[in-house]
Amino acid sequence: MAAVSDLLVSRALTKRFGGVVALDQLDLVVARNEILGLIGPNGSGKTTFFNVVTGIYRADAGAVSFDDRDVTSASAQAIYDYGISRTFQRSRLSLPLSIFDNVIIGNHKRLTQGLWFNLVRRGRFRQEFERNYRAARALIEVFEPALAERMFEPVAGLPMIDRRRIEICRALISEPKLLLLDEPSAGMTHEETAELMNDIMQVRDRNRDLTIVIVEHEMGVIERITDRCVVLNFGRKIAEGPYRQVAADRQVQEAYLGVG
């Protein structure tokens, strides 16, 4: 049974792709309100874990519970409704659409949809638009105030750091309990990465109830912003604890940090 402080718990979680075992009876706990770093070499199972937790992949064995609810067989939509949002390694923005459009896509579960509503209930439609515009703009302003002045511009012309900001805002607009960030610094410079981490910490400071799991290869990021780390290798957990503790672990050094 999960402890009261546990938000996400996986027990003996297993995922295979043919003869490849991507997750090998993985036990992993995410505590409420923590920032957890999920690290390990390429192919260690980090993104697969995210995909199983969010319903993109179905586990072959084991169980996942979220907020005291069994979500092992839940659909991606149901898991989103329960309060888990995520970003992806590769940008998933719709480049021709505006900043506002891309952010508000993440809030579709709260939108009143349908041609009848949009055409006939014009007053309600305008109220809903204005409410969602204010929410999207407020999020963007936390990350980059200047970007909030360009809400109806296409995202195609924006640099990578701003695209990453928009992706994170899209994940946050639904007010999730758990935010999964899959290599948010991918494609950015060290300076841009540091800037984006500042943004994430501002979001966290404003919402202390938000739990974050971050997959990241920039160890400076992991050391700086996480409360605890879990290290995976070949789909198994090989270490966990504060960053300095796991970084000093010989098995972690050999598997991930390149120390022979």
Protein backbone atom coordinates (compact mmCIF):
# COMPACT_ATOMS: atom_id res chain seq x y z
CA MET A 1 0.00 0.00 0.00
CA ALA A 2 1.28 3.49 -0.87
CA ALA A 3 2.14 5.90 1.91
CA VAL A 4 0.03 9.03 2.32
CA SER A 5 2.91 11.14 1.00
CA ASP A 6 3.30 9.05 -2.19
CA LEU A 7 1.70 10.49 -5.33
CA LEU A 8 2.90 8.03 -7.97
CA VAL A 9 3.94 4.44 -7.28
CA SER A 10 5.04 1.74 -9.70
CA ARG A 11 5.46 -1.84 -8.50
CA ALA A 12 7.29 -4.52 -10.53
CA LEU A 13 6.56 -2.48 -13.66
CA THR A 14 7.61 -4.35 -16.77
CA LYS A 15 7.57 -3.39 -20.43
CA ARG A 16 8.98 -5.46 -23.27
CA PHE A 17 9.47 -4.70 -26.95
CA GLY A 18 9.93 -8.12 -28.51
CA GLY A 19 13.02 -9.57 -26.85
CA VAL A 20 14.08 -6.23 -25.36
CA VAL A 21 13.12 -5.57 -21.75
CA ALA A 22 12.73 -1.78 -21.45
CA LEU A 23 11.40 -1.81 -17.88
CA ASP A 24 12.41 -4.73 -15.69
CA GLN A 25 10.17 -5.09 -12.62
CA LEU A 26 10.70 -1.43 -11.76
CA ASP A 27 9.71 -0.20 -8.32
CA LEU A 28 9.64 3.59 -8.26
CA VAL A 29 7.94 6.05 -5.90
CA VAL A 30 7.35 9.77 -6.47
CA ALA A 31 6.49 11.68 -3.30
CA ARG A 32 3.96 14.47 -3.30
CA ASN A 33 5.37 17.94 -3.93
CA GLU A 34 8.92 16.79 -4.69
CA ILE A 35 11.08 17.42 -7.74
CA LEU A 36 12.49 14.05 -8.74
CA GLY A 37 15.32 13.64 -11.22
CA LEU A 38 15.12 10.50 -13.37
CA ILE A 39 18.54 9.84 -14.88
CA GLY A 40 20.48 7.09 -16.59
CA PRO A 41 22.19 6.28 -19.90
CA ASN A 42 20.34 6.29 -23.20
CA GLY A 43 18.09 3.25 -23.44
CA SER A 44 17.81 2.83 -19.67
CA GLY A 45 14.00 3.10 -19.69
CA LYS A 46 13.36 6.69 -18.64
CA THR A 47 11.08 7.73 -21.52
CA THR A 48 9.48 4.28 -21.58
CA PHE A 49 8.56 4.81 -17.93
CA PHE A 50 6.90 8.12 -18.85
CA ASN A 51 5.07 6.47 -21.73
CA VAL A 52 3.72 3.68 -19.55
CA VAL A 53 2.69 6.05 -16.76
CA THR A 54 0.82 8.30 -19.21
CA GLY A 55 -0.98 5.48 -21.00
CA ILE A 56 0.89 5.68 -24.31
CA TYR A 57 2.25 2.19 -23.72
CA ARG A 58 0.49 -0.60 -21.83
CA ALA A 59 2.60 -2.35 -19.19
CA ASP A 60 3.23 -6.07 -19.70
CA ALA A 61 3.28 -6.67 -15.95
CA GLY A 62 3.24 -4.78 -12.69
CA ALA A 63 1.08 -1.90 -11.52
CA VAL A 64 0.97 1.90 -11.38
CA SER A 65 -1.05 3.94 -8.90
CA PHE A 66 -1.51 7.69 -8.98
CA ASP A 67 -3.05 9.68 -6.16
CA ASP A 68 -4.33 6.43 -4.58
CA ARG A 69 -5.94 5.30 -7.85
CA ASP A 70 -4.91 2.27 -9.92
CA VAL A 71 -4.08 3.65 -13.37
CA THR A 72 -2.26 0.60 -14.75
CA SER A 73 -4.79 0.06 -17.54
CA ALA A 74 -6.11 3.61 -17.82
CA SER A 75 -6.17 5.38 -21.18
CA ALA A 76 -3.96 8.37 -21.91
CA GLN A 77 -7.05 10.62 -21.79
CA ALA A 78 -8.12 9.27 -18.39
CA ILE A 79 -4.63 9.74 -16.95
CA TYR A 80 -4.61 13.30 -18.23
CA ASP A 81 -7.99 13.83 -16.56
CA TYR A 82 -6.61 12.47 -13.28
CA GLY A 83 -3.91 15.14 -13.27
CA ILE A 84 -0.75 14.02 -15.08
CA SER A 85 0.71 16.20 -17.84
CA ARG A 86 3.97 15.85 -19.73
CA THR A 87 6.33 17.21 -22.33
CA PHE A 88 8.28 15.21 -24.91
CA GLN A 89 11.93 15.00 -25.97
CA ARG A 90 11.10 16.29 -29.41
CA SER A 91 9.00 19.38 -29.88
CA ARG A 92 5.32 18.57 -30.38
CA LEU A 93 4.12 22.07 -31.19
CA SER A 94 1.96 22.85 -34.19
CA LEU A 95 4.21 25.39 -35.85
CA PRO A 96 1.61 27.23 -37.98
CA LEU A 97 -0.60 27.84 -34.93
CA SER A 98 -0.22 30.73 -32.52
CA ILE A 99 1.31 30.66 -29.05
CA PHE A 100 -2.19 30.87 -27.58
CA ASP A 101 -3.50 28.02 -29.74
CA ASN A 102 -0.63 25.75 -28.79
CA VAL A 103 -0.98 26.43 -25.07
CA ILE A 104 -4.76 26.10 -24.95
CA ILE A 105 -4.66 22.70 -26.65
CA GLY A 106 -3.44 21.46 -23.28
CA ASN A 107 -6.66 22.58 -21.62
CA HIS A 108 -9.10 20.82 -23.96
CA LYS A 109 -10.72 18.84 -21.15
CA ARG A 110 -12.14 22.10 -19.76
CA LEU A 111 -13.29 23.60 -23.03
CA THR A 112 -16.90 23.56 -24.14
CA GLN A 113 -16.72 22.25 -27.68
CA GLY A 114 -19.09 21.85 -30.56
CA LEU A 115 -20.41 23.86 -33.46
CA TRP A 116 -23.74 24.64 -31.75
CA PHE A 117 -22.04 26.18 -28.72
CA ASN A 118 -19.61 28.21 -30.83
CA LEU A 119 -22.28 29.57 -33.19
CA VAL A 120 -25.27 30.07 -30.93
CA ARG A 121 -23.94 30.73 -27.44
CA ARG A 122 -21.76 33.62 -28.45
CA GLY A 123 -21.73 35.30 -25.05
CA ARG A 124 -20.66 32.12 -23.28
CA PHE A 125 -18.13 31.44 -26.03
CA ARG A 126 -16.56 34.88 -25.53
CA GLN A 127 -16.44 34.43 -21.74
CA GLU A 128 -14.74 31.08 -22.14
CA PHE A 129 -12.24 32.49 -24.61
CA GLU A 130 -11.36 35.43 -22.36
CA ARG A 131 -10.97 33.18 -19.31
CA ASN A 132 -8.65 30.82 -21.15
CA TYR A 133 -6.72 33.65 -22.74
CA ARG A 134 -6.02 35.16 -19.32
CA ALA A 135 -4.88 31.79 -17.96
CA ALA A 136 -2.59 31.10 -20.93
CA ARG A 137 -1.12 34.60 -20.87
CA ALA A 138 -0.48 34.43 -17.11
CA LEU A 139 1.50 31.23 -17.58
CA ILE A 140 3.53 32.62 -20.47
CA GLU A 141 4.32 35.74 -18.44
CA VAL A 142 5.93 33.64 -15.73
CA PHE A 143 8.34 32.25 -18.32
CA GLU A 144 8.93 35.27 -20.54
CA PRO A 145 6.89 38.51 -20.23
CA ALA A 146 7.89 39.67 -23.71
CA LEU A 147 6.48 36.46 -25.17
CA ALA A 148 3.10 37.24 -23.62
CA GLU A 149 2.84 40.25 -25.92
CA ARG A 150 2.94 37.91 -28.94
CA MET A 151 0.17 35.46 -28.02
CA PHE A 152 -1.35 35.35 -31.50
CA GLU A 153 1.87 34.98 -33.46
CA PRO A 154 2.78 31.59 -35.01
CA VAL A 155 5.33 29.62 -33.03
CA ALA A 156 7.27 28.71 -36.19
CA GLY A 157 9.53 31.74 -35.91
CA LEU A 158 10.42 31.31 -32.25
CA PRO A 159 13.78 30.08 -30.93
CA MET A 160 14.00 26.68 -29.24
CA ILE A 161 13.95 28.05 -25.70
CA ASP A 162 10.65 29.82 -26.33
CA ARG A 163 9.20 26.71 -27.95
CA ARG A 164 10.16 24.72 -24.86
CA ARG A 165 8.51 27.35 -22.67
CA ILE A 166 5.31 27.05 -24.67
CA GLU A 167 5.37 23.26 -24.40
CA ILE A 168 5.72 23.44 -20.63
CA CYS A 169 2.94 26.03 -20.43
CA ARG A 170 0.72 23.72 -22.49
CA ALA A 171 1.38 20.96 -19.94
CA LEU A 172 0.65 23.31 -17.04
CA ILE A 173 -2.53 24.96 -18.33
CA SER A 174 -4.69 22.05 -17.11
CA GLU A 175 -3.34 22.55 -13.57
CA PRO A 176 -1.89 19.04 -13.19
CA LYS A 177 -0.83 17.45 -9.93
CA LEU A 178 2.17 15.82 -11.61
CA LEU A 179 4.30 17.30 -14.39
CA LEU A 180 6.63 14.98 -16.33
CA LEU A 181 9.42 16.80 -18.19
CA ASP A 182 11.29 14.69 -20.76
CA GLU A 183 14.65 16.33 -21.49
CA PRO A 184 13.39 19.93 -21.57
CA SER A 185 16.87 21.23 -22.37
CA ALA A 186 17.18 19.22 -25.61
CA GLY A 187 18.39 21.42 -28.45
CA MET A 188 19.37 24.35 -26.22
CA THR A 189 22.66 25.91 -25.10
CA HIS A 190 23.88 25.76 -21.51
CA GLU A 191 22.84 29.37 -21.02
CA GLU A 192 19.34 28.71 -22.37
CA THR A 193 19.06 25.63 -20.20
CA ALA A 194 19.93 27.62 -17.08
CA GLU A 195 17.35 30.23 -18.06
CA LEU A 196 14.64 27.62 -18.58
CA MET A 197 15.40 26.00 -15.22
CA ASN A 198 14.96 29.41 -13.59
CA ASP A 199 11.53 29.55 -15.21
CA ILE A 200 10.61 26.10 -13.94
CA MET A 201 11.68 26.99 -10.42
CA GLN A 202 9.52 30.14 -10.57
CA VAL A 203 6.54 28.00 -11.51
CA ARG A 204 7.31 25.62 -8.66
CA ASP A 205 7.67 28.49 -6.18
CA ARG A 206 4.22 29.74 -7.17
CA ASN A 207 2.65 26.30 -6.83
CA ARG A 208 4.19 24.27 -4.02
CA ASP A 209 1.62 21.52 -4.59
CA LEU A 210 3.04 20.73 -8.02
CA THR A 211 5.10 17.54 -8.22
CA ILE A 212 7.70 17.31 -10.99
CA VAL A 213 9.67 14.42 -12.46
CA ILE A 214 12.40 15.53 -14.84
CA VAL A 215 14.45 13.41 -17.23
CA GLU A 216 17.61 15.33 -17.99
CA HIS A 217 21.18 14.67 -19.16
CA GLU A 218 22.50 18.01 -17.91
CA MET A 219 23.78 16.96 -14.50
CA GLY A 220 24.10 20.57 -13.42
CA VAL A 221 20.33 20.87 -13.83
CA ILE A 222 19.68 17.71 -11.82
CA GLU A 223 22.00 18.81 -9.04
CA ARG A 224 20.47 22.25 -8.88
CA ILE A 225 16.72 21.71 -8.93
CA THR A 226 15.96 18.19 -7.70
CA ASP A 227 15.15 17.02 -4.20
CA ARG A 228 15.99 13.41 -5.03
CA CYS A 229 17.22 11.30 -7.94
CA VAL A 230 16.45 7.83 -9.25
CA VAL A 231 19.00 6.24 -11.57
CA LEU A 232 17.94 3.62 -14.13
CA ASN A 233 20.06 1.19 -16.12
CA PHE A 234 18.63 -1.50 -18.41
CA GLY A 235 15.16 -0.77 -17.06
CA ARG A 236 16.14 -1.32 -13.44
CA LYS A 237 16.67 1.09 -10.58
CA ILE A 238 20.33 1.01 -9.55
CA ALA A 239 20.38 3.93 -7.10
CA GLU A 240 18.25 6.61 -5.51
CA GLY A 241 18.74 9.48 -3.11
CA PRO A 242 20.03 13.07 -3.16
CA TYR A 243 22.11 13.96 -6.20
CA ARG A 244 25.45 14.00 -4.40
CA GLN A 245 24.76 10.57 -2.95
CA VAL A 246 23.89 8.93 -6.26
CA ALA A 247 26.69 10.72 -8.11
CA ALA A 248 29.16 9.15 -5.67
CA ASP A 249 27.74 5.67 -6.16
CA ARG A 250 30.28 3.47 -7.95
CA GLN A 251 27.62 1.60 -9.94
CA VAL A 252 26.16 4.91 -11.17
CA GLN A 253 29.59 6.21 -12.09
CA GLU A 254 30.34 3.15 -14.16
CA ALA A 255 26.92 2.95 -15.83
CA TYR A 256 26.26 6.61 -16.51
CA LEU A 257 28.90 9.12 -15.50
CA GLY A 258 31.71 7.47 -17.44
CA VAL A 259 33.99 6.66 -14.53
CA GLY A 260 35.83 3.38 -15.16
